[in-house]
Amino acid sequence: MAGQKKSKNVLDTISPMRTRGRKRQVSPWAVRVRAANYRGLLDNAWDRLSPALLEAQTPDDVIDALHAEGTTREIELMPQSKLILDVLNYTMFPKRRHAQINFLADSLAGLGKVSARRSRDICAQERARAKRAHHIIRCEFYVECSCGYKGHSRDHACRKCGASIRHGLGLAQFF
């Protein structure tokens, strides 16, 4: 062991070169997860919070509205009272309940490290990316049919006569 050489160029090292472009301010995945958390939080408390929040004029009014609710989950929004007020006073703030919740949650998910608009864009991009993730398009089986065909099925049926696969074969989880 003492006679082994140390190699100069190890294959599993991290490159010292930075990637191109600006350094990220926030993790897109974390923003999307935080937005989903805020959506659930606001959906549960929106009927109680919205009258006071929508009438708030100062960050202190926002803090009072959140403090009146009093649960620990709403208290985690208090440090963002200025950002909440800015989002609520946005000229294009939605009118419908569900849209208001989603808009506010997506805007706050960036924690003020990025603008509210950029935070909404990140959430939209991450949701679109998650939809494009790899998934099974078609599931095929090897079948032996009563018509004499032996081979792969097409859309859960015999290729020769079109007889469908019965669901009683323990394959119900695929359909």
Protein backbone atom coordinates (compact mmCIF):
# COMPACT_ATOMS: atom_id res chain seq x y z
CA MET A 1 0.00 0.00 0.00
CA ALA A 2 2.86 2.37 0.66
CA GLY A 3 4.07 2.00 -2.93
CA GLN A 4 0.79 3.20 -4.53
CA LYS A 5 0.84 6.43 -6.50
CA LYS A 6 -1.64 9.20 -5.92
CA SER A 7 -3.32 10.14 -9.15
CA LYS A 8 -3.38 13.81 -10.07
CA ASN A 9 -6.63 13.83 -12.04
CA VAL A 10 -9.30 12.06 -10.05
CA LEU A 11 -12.46 11.37 -12.07
CA ASP A 12 -15.05 12.09 -9.39
CA THR A 13 -14.06 15.60 -8.38
CA ILE A 14 -16.27 18.65 -8.67
CA SER A 15 -15.21 21.13 -11.29
CA PRO A 16 -13.75 24.34 -9.83
CA MET A 17 -15.31 26.29 -12.71
CA ARG A 18 -18.62 28.03 -12.01
CA THR A 19 -21.60 27.45 -14.23
CA ARG A 20 -22.60 30.13 -16.69
CA GLY A 21 -24.97 32.92 -15.82
CA ARG A 22 -25.99 34.47 -12.54
CA LYS A 23 -25.77 32.55 -9.33
CA ARG A 24 -29.19 31.31 -8.17
CA GLN A 25 -30.78 33.22 -5.32
CA VAL A 26 -33.21 30.43 -4.41
CA SER A 27 -33.67 26.77 -5.22
CA PRO A 28 -36.58 26.36 -7.69
CA TRP A 29 -37.60 23.07 -6.10
CA ALA A 30 -37.72 24.67 -2.64
CA VAL A 31 -39.82 27.56 -3.96
CA ARG A 32 -42.36 25.15 -5.49
CA VAL A 33 -42.58 23.07 -2.30
CA ARG A 34 -42.92 26.20 -0.15
CA ALA A 35 -45.66 27.51 -2.45
CA ALA A 36 -47.57 24.24 -2.09
CA ASN A 37 -47.21 24.52 1.69
CA TYR A 38 -48.46 28.11 1.67
CA ARG A 39 -51.37 27.15 -0.59
CA GLY A 40 -52.53 24.61 1.96
CA LEU A 41 -52.00 27.00 4.85
CA LEU A 42 -53.90 29.86 3.19
CA ASP A 43 -56.66 27.59 1.89
CA ASN A 44 -57.44 26.47 5.45
CA ALA A 45 -57.41 29.97 6.94
CA TRP A 46 -58.42 32.23 4.04
CA ASP A 47 -62.05 32.68 5.09
CA ARG A 48 -60.91 33.99 8.48
CA LEU A 49 -57.83 35.90 7.26
CA SER A 50 -59.01 37.51 4.03
CA PRO A 51 -61.29 40.28 5.38
CA ALA A 52 -58.53 41.73 7.57
CA LEU A 53 -55.74 41.09 5.06
CA LEU A 54 -57.53 42.65 2.11
CA GLU A 55 -58.27 45.81 4.15
CA ALA A 56 -54.71 46.12 5.51
CA GLN A 57 -52.95 49.41 4.73
CA THR A 58 -49.64 48.94 6.55
CA PRO A 59 -47.35 46.00 7.37
CA ASP A 60 -48.49 46.33 11.00
CA ASP A 61 -52.09 45.75 9.88
CA VAL A 62 -50.95 42.55 8.14
CA ILE A 63 -49.15 41.41 11.31
CA ASP A 64 -52.27 42.17 13.38
CA ALA A 65 -54.42 40.15 10.98
CA LEU A 66 -52.04 37.20 11.13
CA HIS A 67 -51.64 37.51 14.89
CA ALA A 68 -55.43 37.56 15.38
CA GLU A 69 -55.55 34.15 13.71
CA GLY A 70 -52.96 33.04 16.26
CA THR A 71 -51.97 29.61 14.98
CA THR A 72 -48.30 28.86 14.56
CA ARG A 73 -48.63 28.22 10.84
CA GLU A 74 -49.90 31.75 10.16
CA ILE A 75 -47.24 33.22 12.43
CA GLU A 76 -44.53 31.96 10.05
CA LEU A 77 -45.85 34.49 7.49
CA MET A 78 -45.32 37.46 9.82
CA PRO A 79 -41.73 38.26 8.76
CA GLN A 80 -43.06 38.71 5.23
CA SER A 81 -45.68 41.30 6.16
CA LYS A 82 -44.23 43.97 3.82
CA LEU A 83 -44.16 41.52 0.92
CA ILE A 84 -47.71 40.35 1.70
CA LEU A 85 -48.92 43.96 1.64
CA ASP A 86 -47.17 44.60 -1.69
CA VAL A 87 -48.75 41.50 -3.23
CA LEU A 88 -52.21 42.35 -1.89
CA ASN A 89 -51.93 45.91 -3.31
CA TYR A 90 -50.80 44.66 -6.72
CA THR A 91 -53.08 46.10 -9.40
CA MET A 92 -53.73 42.71 -11.00
CA PHE A 93 -54.47 40.91 -7.70
CA PRO A 94 -57.21 38.34 -8.46
CA LYS A 95 -60.80 38.72 -7.34
CA ARG A 96 -61.78 35.06 -6.80
CA ARG A 97 -60.93 33.19 -3.59
CA HIS A 98 -58.97 30.29 -5.08
CA ALA A 99 -57.02 32.56 -7.44
CA GLN A 100 -56.16 34.92 -4.56
CA ILE A 101 -54.82 32.05 -2.46
CA ASN A 102 -52.69 30.67 -5.31
CA PHE A 103 -51.41 34.11 -6.31
CA LEU A 104 -50.41 35.05 -2.76
CA ALA A 105 -48.84 31.64 -2.00
CA ASP A 106 -46.77 31.61 -5.20
CA SER A 107 -45.68 35.22 -4.65
CA LEU A 108 -44.53 34.60 -1.06
CA ALA A 109 -42.68 31.36 -1.82
CA GLY A 110 -39.51 33.22 -2.84
CA LEU A 111 -39.25 34.66 0.71
CA GLY A 112 -38.37 38.08 -0.69
CA LYS A 113 -35.02 36.85 -2.04
CA VAL A 114 -36.52 37.19 -5.50
CA SER A 115 -39.35 39.43 -6.58
CA ALA A 116 -42.95 38.27 -6.22
CA ARG A 117 -43.26 38.10 -10.01
CA ARG A 118 -40.13 35.96 -10.32
CA SER A 119 -41.38 33.71 -7.53
CA ARG A 120 -44.64 33.09 -9.45
CA ASP A 121 -42.64 32.39 -12.62
CA ILE A 122 -40.43 29.89 -10.80
CA CYS A 123 -43.49 28.09 -9.42
CA ALA A 124 -45.08 27.90 -12.88
CA GLN A 125 -41.87 26.60 -14.47
CA GLU A 126 -41.37 23.97 -11.78
CA ARG A 127 -44.96 22.73 -12.06
CA ALA A 128 -44.58 22.48 -15.85
CA ARG A 129 -41.28 20.63 -15.43
CA ALA A 130 -42.89 18.18 -13.01
CA LYS A 131 -45.64 17.46 -15.55
CA ARG A 132 -43.05 16.68 -18.22
CA ALA A 133 -41.24 14.19 -15.97
CA HIS A 134 -40.89 10.70 -17.38
CA HIS A 135 -43.90 8.47 -17.00
CA ILE A 136 -45.20 5.22 -18.48
CA ILE A 137 -47.09 5.85 -21.69
CA ARG A 138 -48.19 2.30 -22.49
CA CYS A 139 -47.99 -0.99 -20.59
CA GLU A 140 -47.78 -4.17 -22.65
CA PHE A 141 -48.14 -7.84 -21.69
CA TYR A 142 -47.15 -11.14 -23.26
CA VAL A 143 -50.42 -12.99 -23.97
CA GLU A 144 -51.56 -16.39 -25.15
CA CYS A 145 -55.03 -15.96 -26.63
CA SER A 146 -57.75 -18.53 -27.34
CA CYS A 147 -57.52 -17.59 -31.03
CA GLY A 148 -54.01 -19.04 -31.11
CA TYR A 149 -52.01 -15.80 -30.97
CA LYS A 150 -48.93 -15.84 -28.74
CA GLY A 151 -47.02 -12.61 -28.30
CA HIS A 152 -47.15 -9.10 -26.98
CA SER A 153 -50.52 -7.46 -26.46
CA ARG A 154 -51.52 -4.12 -27.93
CA ASP A 155 -53.41 -1.74 -25.60
CA HIS A 156 -54.27 -4.61 -23.21
CA ALA A 157 -55.82 -6.74 -25.95
CA CYS A 158 -54.89 -9.53 -28.34
CA ARG A 159 -53.25 -8.18 -31.51
CA LYS A 160 -54.96 -10.77 -33.70
CA CYS A 161 -58.60 -10.84 -32.56
CA GLY A 162 -58.81 -7.86 -30.16
CA ALA A 163 -59.93 -9.84 -27.10
CA SER A 164 -59.27 -7.71 -24.05
CA ILE A 165 -57.33 -8.81 -20.98
CA ARG A 166 -59.62 -9.63 -18.08
CA HIS A 167 -59.00 -7.62 -14.95
CA GLY A 168 -59.39 -10.67 -12.70
CA LEU A 169 -55.84 -11.80 -13.39
CA GLY A 170 -54.34 -9.74 -10.57
CA LEU A 171 -53.50 -6.90 -12.98
CA ALA A 172 -56.04 -4.42 -11.63
CA GLN A 173 -53.34 -2.03 -10.42
CA PHE A 174 -52.36 -1.27 -14.03
CA PHE A 175 -55.83 -0.22 -15.22
